[in-house]
Amino acid sequence: MQRRIYLVRHAQANPGTPEVSDELRALTPAGKIVSTQVGKFLYQKNSNLNLIISSHAKRAHHTALHISKELNLQTEVCIEKILYSENLTGILQLLNLLPDVYSEVMLVGHYPTIVELQNYLASNNQLTSMNTGELVVLGFENNWAGLSAGTALHEYSYHPSYTQA
């Protein structure tokens, strides 16, 4: 069975301040629009996401919610703190433990970890960075427990436009 992982770097957020912790940084108005663009793009691609897993950081969670809203699916949005950390091994373990009933899963996380995960999993494409709001889609044939280094293929990327935001 073909499976897909959708990797999204959270959309643009307000800068941190001494009064607002990094975890509580909110999306900018442009970040909200770009999140919506990603959702609309996936809707047009007939994406059939079963599950969206987001970092607990406000900017990532709100990115996930905007995307989910545009998909018009009964897609569950879960929060996992491991996506906030730079723990590639922990994120891979999270993926390996997913039930095989899920065929398409999105992770909404942070730089540099989301790029490192893409580079670890994809055998055919290496990235140096991802812009805020950017989407990368990987496909693989194994079950979730068999997902490991180089077992996925980079299928496509989507770079939403901040000029339209």
C-alpha atoms as a PDB file:
ATOM      1  CA  MET A   1       0.000   0.000   0.000  1.00  0.00           C
ATOM      2  CA  GLN A   2       1.287   3.449  -0.944  1.00  0.00           C
ATOM      3  CA  ARG A   3       1.644   5.791   2.021  1.00  0.00           C
ATOM      4  CA  ARG A   4       2.445   9.486   2.159  1.00  0.00           C
ATOM      5  CA  ILE A   5       3.980  11.819   4.685  1.00  0.00           C
ATOM      6  CA  TYR A   6       3.259  15.504   4.299  1.00  0.00           C
ATOM      7  CA  LEU A   7       5.906  17.615   6.036  1.00  0.00           C
ATOM      8  CA  VAL A   8       5.056  21.264   6.699  1.00  0.00           C
ATOM      9  CA  ARG A   9       7.183  23.914   8.304  1.00  0.00           C
ATOM     10  CA  HIS A  10       4.837  26.138  10.317  1.00  0.00           C
ATOM     11  CA  ALA A  11       3.771  29.337   8.594  1.00  0.00           C
ATOM     12  CA  GLN A  12       5.221  32.758   9.340  1.00  0.00           C
ATOM     13  CA  ALA A  13       4.944  33.792  12.985  1.00  0.00           C
ATOM     14  CA  ASN A  14       5.414  36.970  14.955  1.00  0.00           C
ATOM     15  CA  PRO A  15       8.917  37.410  16.374  1.00  0.00           C
ATOM     16  CA  GLY A  16       9.524  36.395  19.955  1.00  0.00           C
ATOM     17  CA  THR A  17       9.576  38.961  22.714  1.00  0.00           C
ATOM     18  CA  PRO A  18      10.493  38.827  26.389  1.00  0.00           C
ATOM     19  CA  GLU A  19       6.757  38.863  27.165  1.00  0.00           C
ATOM     20  CA  VAL A  20       5.819  36.034  24.748  1.00  0.00           C
ATOM     21  CA  SER A  21       7.575  32.700  24.960  1.00  0.00           C
ATOM     22  CA  ASP A  22       8.706  30.967  21.774  1.00  0.00           C
ATOM     23  CA  GLU A  23       5.984  28.355  22.182  1.00  0.00           C
ATOM     24  CA  LEU A  24       3.261  31.032  22.249  1.00  0.00           C
ATOM     25  CA  ARG A  25       4.295  32.956  19.135  1.00  0.00           C
ATOM     26  CA  ALA A  26       1.218  33.481  16.942  1.00  0.00           C
ATOM     27  CA  LEU A  27       0.907  33.396  13.172  1.00  0.00           C
ATOM     28  CA  THR A  28       1.148  36.685  11.335  1.00  0.00           C
ATOM     29  CA  PRO A  29      -1.770  37.626   9.068  1.00  0.00           C
ATOM     30  CA  ALA A  30       0.380  36.490   6.118  1.00  0.00           C
ATOM     31  CA  GLY A  31       1.074  33.206   7.926  1.00  0.00           C
ATOM     32  CA  LYS A  32      -2.666  32.565   8.253  1.00  0.00           C
ATOM     33  CA  ILE A  33      -3.187  33.203   4.540  1.00  0.00           C
ATOM     34  CA  VAL A  34      -0.292  30.943   3.554  1.00  0.00           C
ATOM     35  CA  SER A  35      -1.620  28.141   5.792  1.00  0.00           C
ATOM     36  CA  THR A  36      -4.940  28.464   4.004  1.00  0.00           C
ATOM     37  CA  GLN A  37      -3.136  28.327   0.630  1.00  0.00           C
ATOM     38  CA  VAL A  38      -1.502  25.021   1.616  1.00  0.00           C
ATOM     39  CA  GLY A  39      -4.888  23.587   2.583  1.00  0.00           C
ATOM     40  CA  LYS A  40      -6.471  24.739  -0.679  1.00  0.00           C
ATOM     41  CA  PHE A  41      -3.566  23.304  -2.672  1.00  0.00           C
ATOM     42  CA  LEU A  42      -3.967  19.912  -0.990  1.00  0.00           C
ATOM     43  CA  TYR A  43      -7.727  20.020  -1.496  1.00  0.00           C
ATOM     44  CA  GLN A  44      -7.177  20.593  -5.235  1.00  0.00           C
ATOM     45  CA  LYS A  45      -4.697  17.685  -5.277  1.00  0.00           C
ATOM     46  CA  ASN A  46      -7.463  15.484  -3.773  1.00  0.00           C
ATOM     47  CA  SER A  47      -5.340  14.765  -0.737  1.00  0.00           C
ATOM     48  CA  ASN A  48      -6.852  12.186   1.561  1.00  0.00           C
ATOM     49  CA  LEU A  49      -5.070  12.976   4.810  1.00  0.00           C
ATOM     50  CA  ASN A  50      -6.075  10.663   7.641  1.00  0.00           C
ATOM     51  CA  LEU A  51      -4.174  12.398  10.407  1.00  0.00           C
ATOM     52  CA  ILE A  52      -2.416  15.706  11.084  1.00  0.00           C
ATOM     53  CA  ILE A  53       0.152  15.777  13.876  1.00  0.00           C
ATOM     54  CA  SER A  54       1.352  19.184  15.025  1.00  0.00           C
ATOM     55  CA  SER A  55       3.902  20.555  17.394  1.00  0.00           C
ATOM     56  CA  HIS A  56       2.319  22.070  20.485  1.00  0.00           C
ATOM     57  CA  ALA A  57       3.745  25.497  19.608  1.00  0.00           C
ATOM     58  CA  LYS A  58       0.899  27.878  18.835  1.00  0.00           C
ATOM     59  CA  ARG A  59       2.228  28.802  15.367  1.00  0.00           C
ATOM     60  CA  ALA A  60       2.476  25.151  14.278  1.00  0.00           C
ATOM     61  CA  HIS A  61      -0.884  24.140  15.750  1.00  0.00           C
ATOM     62  CA  HIS A  62      -2.660  27.072  14.091  1.00  0.00           C
ATOM     63  CA  THR A  63      -0.945  26.263  10.775  1.00  0.00           C
ATOM     64  CA  ALA A  64      -2.337  22.725  11.079  1.00  0.00           C
ATOM     65  CA  LEU A  65      -5.834  23.972  11.926  1.00  0.00           C
ATOM     66  CA  HIS A  66      -5.927  26.343   8.917  1.00  0.00           C
ATOM     67  CA  ILE A  67      -4.806  23.531   6.599  1.00  0.00           C
ATOM     68  CA  SER A  68      -7.327  21.091   8.064  1.00  0.00           C
ATOM     69  CA  LYS A  69     -10.187  23.563   7.675  1.00  0.00           C
ATOM     70  CA  GLU A  70      -9.522  23.903   3.932  1.00  0.00           C
ATOM     71  CA  LEU A  71      -9.420  20.141   3.366  1.00  0.00           C
ATOM     72  CA  ASN A  72     -13.047  19.656   4.441  1.00  0.00           C
ATOM     73  CA  LEU A  73     -12.168  16.211   5.770  1.00  0.00           C
ATOM     74  CA  GLN A  74     -12.837  14.683   9.131  1.00  0.00           C
ATOM     75  CA  THR A  75      -9.070  14.789   9.646  1.00  0.00           C
ATOM     76  CA  GLU A  76      -7.969  14.592  13.229  1.00  0.00           C
ATOM     77  CA  VAL A  77      -5.384  17.156  14.399  1.00  0.00           C
ATOM     78  CA  CYS A  78      -3.224  15.796  17.224  1.00  0.00           C
ATOM     79  CA  ILE A  79      -0.562  17.610  19.204  1.00  0.00           C
ATOM     80  CA  GLU A  80       2.783  15.972  19.928  1.00  0.00           C
ATOM     81  CA  LYS A  81       5.435  17.864  21.884  1.00  0.00           C
ATOM     82  CA  ILE A  82       8.173  15.751  20.282  1.00  0.00           C
ATOM     83  CA  LEU A  83       7.715  17.793  17.072  1.00  0.00           C
ATOM     84  CA  TYR A  84       8.854  20.922  18.914  1.00  0.00           C
ATOM     85  CA  SER A  85      12.131  19.379  19.987  1.00  0.00           C
ATOM     86  CA  GLU A  86      15.051  18.650  17.711  1.00  0.00           C
ATOM     87  CA  ASN A  87      14.713  14.925  18.424  1.00  0.00           C
ATOM     88  CA  LEU A  88      14.761  13.202  15.038  1.00  0.00           C
ATOM     89  CA  THR A  89      14.860   9.752  16.660  1.00  0.00           C
ATOM     90  CA  GLY A  90      11.760  10.502  18.732  1.00  0.00           C
ATOM     91  CA  ILE A  91       9.837  11.734  15.685  1.00  0.00           C
ATOM     92  CA  LEU A  92      10.797   8.640  13.729  1.00  0.00           C
ATOM     93  CA  GLN A  93       9.618   6.457  16.636  1.00  0.00           C
ATOM     94  CA  LEU A  94       6.312   8.345  16.620  1.00  0.00           C
ATOM     95  CA  LEU A  95       5.903   7.560  12.914  1.00  0.00           C
ATOM     96  CA  ASN A  96       6.944   3.924  13.353  1.00  0.00           C
ATOM     97  CA  LEU A  97       4.211   3.450  15.964  1.00  0.00           C
ATOM     98  CA  LEU A  98       1.388   4.781  13.785  1.00  0.00           C
ATOM     99  CA  PRO A  99      -1.362   2.238  13.083  1.00  0.00           C
ATOM    100  CA  ASP A 100      -1.353   1.039   9.485  1.00  0.00           C
ATOM    101  CA  VAL A 101      -4.936   2.238   9.063  1.00  0.00           C
ATOM    102  CA  TYR A 102      -3.370   5.660   8.331  1.00  0.00           C
ATOM    103  CA  SER A 103      -2.249   6.017   4.737  1.00  0.00           C
ATOM    104  CA  GLU A 104      -1.573   9.776   4.624  1.00  0.00           C
ATOM    105  CA  VAL A 105      -0.179  11.680   7.602  1.00  0.00           C
ATOM    106  CA  MET A 106       0.937  15.293   7.932  1.00  0.00           C
ATOM    107  CA  LEU A 107       3.531  16.553  10.388  1.00  0.00           C
ATOM    108  CA  VAL A 108       3.601  20.286  11.118  1.00  0.00           C
ATOM    109  CA  GLY A 109       6.865  21.204  12.769  1.00  0.00           C
ATOM    110  CA  HIS A 110       9.878  23.443  12.894  1.00  0.00           C
ATOM    111  CA  TYR A 111      13.173  24.185  11.180  1.00  0.00           C
ATOM    112  CA  PRO A 112      15.687  22.541  11.169  1.00  0.00           C
ATOM    113  CA  THR A 113      14.112  19.279  12.358  1.00  0.00           C
ATOM    114  CA  ILE A 114      11.462  19.043   9.625  1.00  0.00           C
ATOM    115  CA  VAL A 115      14.202  19.410   6.971  1.00  0.00           C
ATOM    116  CA  GLU A 116      16.405  16.856   8.725  1.00  0.00           C
ATOM    117  CA  LEU A 117      13.491  14.398   8.765  1.00  0.00           C
ATOM    118  CA  GLN A 118      12.908  14.877   5.035  1.00  0.00           C
ATOM    119  CA  ASN A 119      16.594  14.366   4.305  1.00  0.00           C
ATOM    120  CA  TYR A 120      16.745  11.264   6.504  1.00  0.00           C
ATOM    121  CA  LEU A 121      13.708   9.603   4.930  1.00  0.00           C
ATOM    122  CA  ALA A 122      13.995  10.632   1.262  1.00  0.00           C
ATOM    123  CA  SER A 123      16.426   8.655  -0.850  1.00  0.00           C
ATOM    124  CA  ASN A 124      16.130  10.930  -3.888  1.00  0.00           C
ATOM    125  CA  ASN A 125      16.204  14.517  -2.640  1.00  0.00           C
ATOM    126  CA  GLN A 126      18.130  16.496  -0.049  1.00  0.00           C
ATOM    127  CA  LEU A 127      17.038  19.941   1.113  1.00  0.00           C
ATOM    128  CA  THR A 128      19.112  22.634   2.752  1.00  0.00           C
ATOM    129  CA  SER A 129      16.094  24.502   4.129  1.00  0.00           C
ATOM    130  CA  MET A 130      12.339  24.998   3.925  1.00  0.00           C
ATOM    131  CA  ASN A 131      10.569  28.333   3.983  1.00  0.00           C
ATOM    132  CA  THR A 132       7.831  28.963   6.505  1.00  0.00           C
ATOM    133  CA  GLY A 133       4.600  27.412   5.269  1.00  0.00           C
ATOM    134  CA  GLU A 134       6.388  25.154   2.772  1.00  0.00           C
ATOM    135  CA  LEU A 135       5.112  21.626   2.133  1.00  0.00           C
ATOM    136  CA  VAL A 136       7.126  18.541   1.144  1.00  0.00           C
ATOM    137  CA  VAL A 137       5.419  15.255   0.276  1.00  0.00           C
ATOM    138  CA  LEU A 138       7.151  11.893   0.595  1.00  0.00           C
ATOM    139  CA  GLY A 139       5.799   8.542  -0.548  1.00  0.00           C
ATOM    140  CA  PHE A 140       6.778   5.042   0.549  1.00  0.00           C
ATOM    141  CA  GLU A 141       5.566   1.459   0.182  1.00  0.00           C
ATOM    142  CA  ASN A 142       6.296   0.022   3.642  1.00  0.00           C
ATOM    143  CA  ASN A 143       4.050   0.005   6.647  1.00  0.00           C
ATOM    144  CA  TRP A 144       4.767   2.679   9.259  1.00  0.00           C
ATOM    145  CA  ALA A 145       6.921   0.327  11.320  1.00  0.00           C
ATOM    146  CA  GLY A 146       9.207  -0.157   8.300  1.00  0.00           C
ATOM    147  CA  LEU A 147       9.788   3.556   7.682  1.00  0.00           C
ATOM    148  CA  SER A 148      13.489   4.283   8.076  1.00  0.00           C
ATOM    149  CA  ALA A 149      16.424   6.065   6.449  1.00  0.00           C
ATOM    150  CA  GLY A 150      16.117   6.293   2.678  1.00  0.00           C
ATOM    151  CA  THR A 151      12.870   4.315   2.422  1.00  0.00           C
ATOM    152  CA  ALA A 152      10.777   7.207   1.080  1.00  0.00           C
ATOM    153  CA  LEU A 153      10.811   9.165  -2.164  1.00  0.00           C
ATOM    154  CA  HIS A 154      10.335  12.914  -2.455  1.00  0.00           C
ATOM    155  CA  GLU A 155       7.207  13.273  -4.603  1.00  0.00           C
ATOM    156  CA  TYR A 156       6.738  17.032  -4.731  1.00  0.00           C
ATOM    157  CA  SER A 157       7.030  20.309  -2.866  1.00  0.00           C
ATOM    158  CA  TYR A 158       4.669  23.239  -2.636  1.00  0.00           C
ATOM    159  CA  HIS A 159       5.968  26.735  -1.999  1.00  0.00           C
ATOM    160  CA  PRO A 160       3.064  29.021  -1.050  1.00  0.00           C
ATOM    161  CA  SER A 161       3.354  32.645  -2.080  1.00  0.00           C
ATOM    162  CA  TYR A 162       3.764  35.310   0.565  1.00  0.00           C
ATOM    163  CA  THR A 163       3.393  37.946  -2.150  1.00  0.00           C
ATOM    164  CA  GLN A 164      -0.310  37.074  -2.365  1.00  0.00           C
ATOM    165  CA  ALA A 165      -0.659  37.096   1.413  1.00  0.00           C
END
